[in-house]
Amino acid sequence: MVKINKSVKISYWIGIFIVFVTHLYMLGYGMPADQIVGHSILNLVAGCLLAYSWFGRK
């Protein structure tokens, strides 16, 4: 059985939250050109958090 510590679980849920919120925002309001860089950075952070949660499992 895989044991998951608290920081891994929190990282996973924060990453999922970032991805869903940024994409719901895009669907609802569109993505002006000046917000593309911020969106990309947030999704890279989310990807890192999700990778940490995947590789941080024991």
N, C-alpha and C. Protein backbone atom coordinates (compact mmCIF):
# COMPACT_ATOMS: atom_id res chain seq x y z
N MET A 1 0.84 -1.18 0.00
CA MET A 1 0.00 0.00 0.00
C MET A 1 0.88 1.24 0.00
N VAL A 2 0.48 2.24 -0.73
CA VAL A 2 1.24 3.48 -0.85
C VAL A 2 0.90 4.39 0.32
N LYS A 3 1.94 4.84 1.04
CA LYS A 3 1.73 5.78 2.14
C LYS A 3 1.96 7.19 1.62
N ILE A 4 1.01 8.08 1.87
CA ILE A 4 1.09 9.45 1.38
C ILE A 4 1.18 10.40 2.57
N ASN A 5 2.26 11.21 2.61
CA ASN A 5 2.36 12.16 3.70
C ASN A 5 1.52 13.41 3.42
N LYS A 6 1.39 14.25 4.42
CA LYS A 6 0.48 15.39 4.34
C LYS A 6 0.90 16.41 3.28
N SER A 7 2.21 16.71 3.16
CA SER A 7 2.64 17.71 2.19
C SER A 7 2.40 17.25 0.76
N VAL A 8 2.51 15.97 0.50
CA VAL A 8 2.25 15.43 -0.83
C VAL A 8 0.77 15.58 -1.17
N LYS A 9 -0.09 15.28 -0.21
CA LYS A 9 -1.53 15.38 -0.43
C LYS A 9 -1.95 16.83 -0.65
N ILE A 10 -1.39 17.74 0.14
CA ILE A 10 -1.71 19.16 -0.01
C ILE A 10 -1.21 19.67 -1.36
N SER A 11 -0.01 19.28 -1.77
CA SER A 11 0.54 19.70 -3.06
C SER A 11 -0.35 19.24 -4.21
N TYR A 12 -0.84 18.03 -4.12
CA TYR A 12 -1.72 17.51 -5.16
C TYR A 12 -2.97 18.38 -5.29
N TRP A 13 -3.63 18.65 -4.17
CA TRP A 13 -4.89 19.39 -4.23
C TRP A 13 -4.70 20.85 -4.63
N ILE A 14 -3.58 21.46 -4.23
CA ILE A 14 -3.29 22.82 -4.67
C ILE A 14 -3.06 22.84 -6.18
N GLY A 15 -2.31 21.87 -6.69
CA GLY A 15 -2.05 21.78 -8.13
C GLY A 15 -3.34 21.60 -8.93
N ILE A 16 -4.20 20.71 -8.48
CA ILE A 16 -5.48 20.49 -9.15
C ILE A 16 -6.33 21.76 -9.11
N PHE A 17 -6.35 22.43 -7.96
CA PHE A 17 -7.12 23.67 -7.81
C PHE A 17 -6.64 24.73 -8.79
N ILE A 18 -5.33 24.91 -8.90
CA ILE A 18 -4.77 25.92 -9.82
C ILE A 18 -5.19 25.62 -11.25
N VAL A 19 -5.07 24.38 -11.67
CA VAL A 19 -5.41 24.01 -13.04
C VAL A 19 -6.89 24.28 -13.32
N PHE A 20 -7.77 23.83 -12.44
CA PHE A 20 -9.20 24.01 -12.67
C PHE A 20 -9.61 25.48 -12.64
N VAL A 21 -9.10 26.24 -11.67
CA VAL A 21 -9.50 27.64 -11.57
C VAL A 21 -9.01 28.44 -12.77
N THR A 22 -7.77 28.23 -13.20
CA THR A 22 -7.27 29.00 -14.33
C THR A 22 -8.01 28.64 -15.62
N HIS A 23 -8.38 27.38 -15.77
CA HIS A 23 -9.10 27.01 -16.98
C HIS A 23 -10.57 27.42 -16.94
N LEU A 24 -11.18 27.40 -15.78
CA LEU A 24 -12.53 27.93 -15.68
C LEU A 24 -12.55 29.43 -15.96
N TYR A 25 -11.54 30.14 -15.49
CA TYR A 25 -11.43 31.57 -15.77
C TYR A 25 -11.30 31.80 -17.28
N MET A 26 -10.44 30.99 -17.92
CA MET A 26 -10.27 31.11 -19.37
C MET A 26 -11.59 30.87 -20.11
N LEU A 27 -12.32 29.87 -19.70
CA LEU A 27 -13.59 29.56 -20.37
C LEU A 27 -14.62 30.66 -20.13
N GLY A 28 -14.64 31.23 -18.95
CA GLY A 28 -15.63 32.23 -18.62
C GLY A 28 -15.34 33.62 -19.13
N TYR A 29 -14.07 34.02 -19.09
CA TYR A 29 -13.72 35.40 -19.40
C TYR A 29 -12.77 35.55 -20.58
N GLY A 30 -12.28 34.45 -21.09
CA GLY A 30 -11.30 34.53 -22.16
C GLY A 30 -9.91 34.81 -21.58
N MET A 31 -8.93 34.86 -22.44
CA MET A 31 -7.57 35.08 -21.98
C MET A 31 -6.94 36.20 -22.80
N PRO A 32 -6.97 37.43 -22.28
CA PRO A 32 -6.30 38.53 -22.97
C PRO A 32 -4.80 38.26 -23.08
N ALA A 33 -4.17 38.86 -24.04
CA ALA A 33 -2.75 38.63 -24.30
C ALA A 33 -1.88 38.95 -23.10
N ASP A 34 -2.24 39.95 -22.31
CA ASP A 34 -1.40 40.33 -21.18
C ASP A 34 -1.51 39.36 -20.00
N GLN A 35 -2.43 38.40 -20.04
CA GLN A 35 -2.58 37.42 -18.97
C GLN A 35 -2.00 36.06 -19.32
N ILE A 36 -1.51 35.90 -20.52
CA ILE A 36 -1.02 34.59 -20.95
C ILE A 36 0.22 34.16 -20.17
N VAL A 37 1.13 35.08 -19.91
CA VAL A 37 2.34 34.74 -19.16
C VAL A 37 1.99 34.29 -17.74
N GLY A 38 1.10 35.02 -17.07
CA GLY A 38 0.69 34.64 -15.73
C GLY A 38 0.01 33.28 -15.70
N HIS A 39 -0.82 33.03 -16.68
CA HIS A 39 -1.49 31.74 -16.79
C HIS A 39 -0.47 30.61 -16.98
N SER A 40 0.49 30.85 -17.83
CA SER A 40 1.52 29.84 -18.07
C SER A 40 2.34 29.55 -16.82
N ILE A 41 2.71 30.59 -16.10
CA ILE A 41 3.49 30.40 -14.87
C ILE A 41 2.68 29.64 -13.83
N LEU A 42 1.42 30.01 -13.65
CA LEU A 42 0.57 29.28 -12.70
C LEU A 42 0.43 27.82 -13.06
N ASN A 43 0.29 27.52 -14.33
CA ASN A 43 0.16 26.12 -14.74
C ASN A 43 1.47 25.36 -14.62
N LEU A 44 2.60 26.03 -14.79
CA LEU A 44 3.89 25.38 -14.54
C LEU A 44 4.07 25.07 -13.05
N VAL A 45 3.65 26.00 -12.19
CA VAL A 45 3.69 25.74 -10.75
C VAL A 45 2.79 24.57 -10.40
N ALA A 46 1.59 24.55 -10.97
CA ALA A 46 0.66 23.44 -10.73
C ALA A 46 1.27 22.12 -11.19
N GLY A 47 1.91 22.13 -12.35
CA GLY A 47 2.56 20.92 -12.85
C GLY A 47 3.66 20.44 -11.92
N CYS A 48 4.43 21.36 -11.38
CA CYS A 48 5.49 20.99 -10.43
C CYS A 48 4.90 20.41 -9.15
N LEU A 49 3.81 21.01 -8.65
CA LEU A 49 3.16 20.48 -7.46
C LEU A 49 2.59 19.09 -7.70
N LEU A 50 2.00 18.89 -8.87
CA LEU A 50 1.47 17.56 -9.20
C LEU A 50 2.59 16.54 -9.36
N ALA A 51 3.71 16.95 -9.98
CA ALA A 51 4.85 16.04 -10.11
C ALA A 51 5.41 15.70 -8.72
N TYR A 52 5.52 16.70 -7.84
CA TYR A 52 5.99 16.45 -6.49
C TYR A 52 5.08 15.45 -5.78
N SER A 53 3.78 15.63 -5.96
CA SER A 53 2.85 14.71 -5.29
C SER A 53 2.96 13.30 -5.87
N TRP A 54 3.26 13.18 -7.14
CA TRP A 54 3.41 11.87 -7.76
C TRP A 54 4.70 11.19 -7.30
N PHE A 55 5.81 11.91 -7.36
CA PHE A 55 7.10 11.32 -7.00
C PHE A 55 7.34 11.30 -5.50
N GLY A 56 6.54 12.04 -4.73
CA GLY A 56 6.72 12.09 -3.29
C GLY A 56 6.01 10.97 -2.55
N ARG A 57 5.30 10.13 -3.27
CA ARG A 57 4.63 9.00 -2.63
C ARG A 57 5.66 7.97 -2.20
N LYS A 58 5.35 7.26 -1.13
CA LYS A 58 6.27 6.20 -0.64
C LYS A 58 5.57 4.87 -0.60
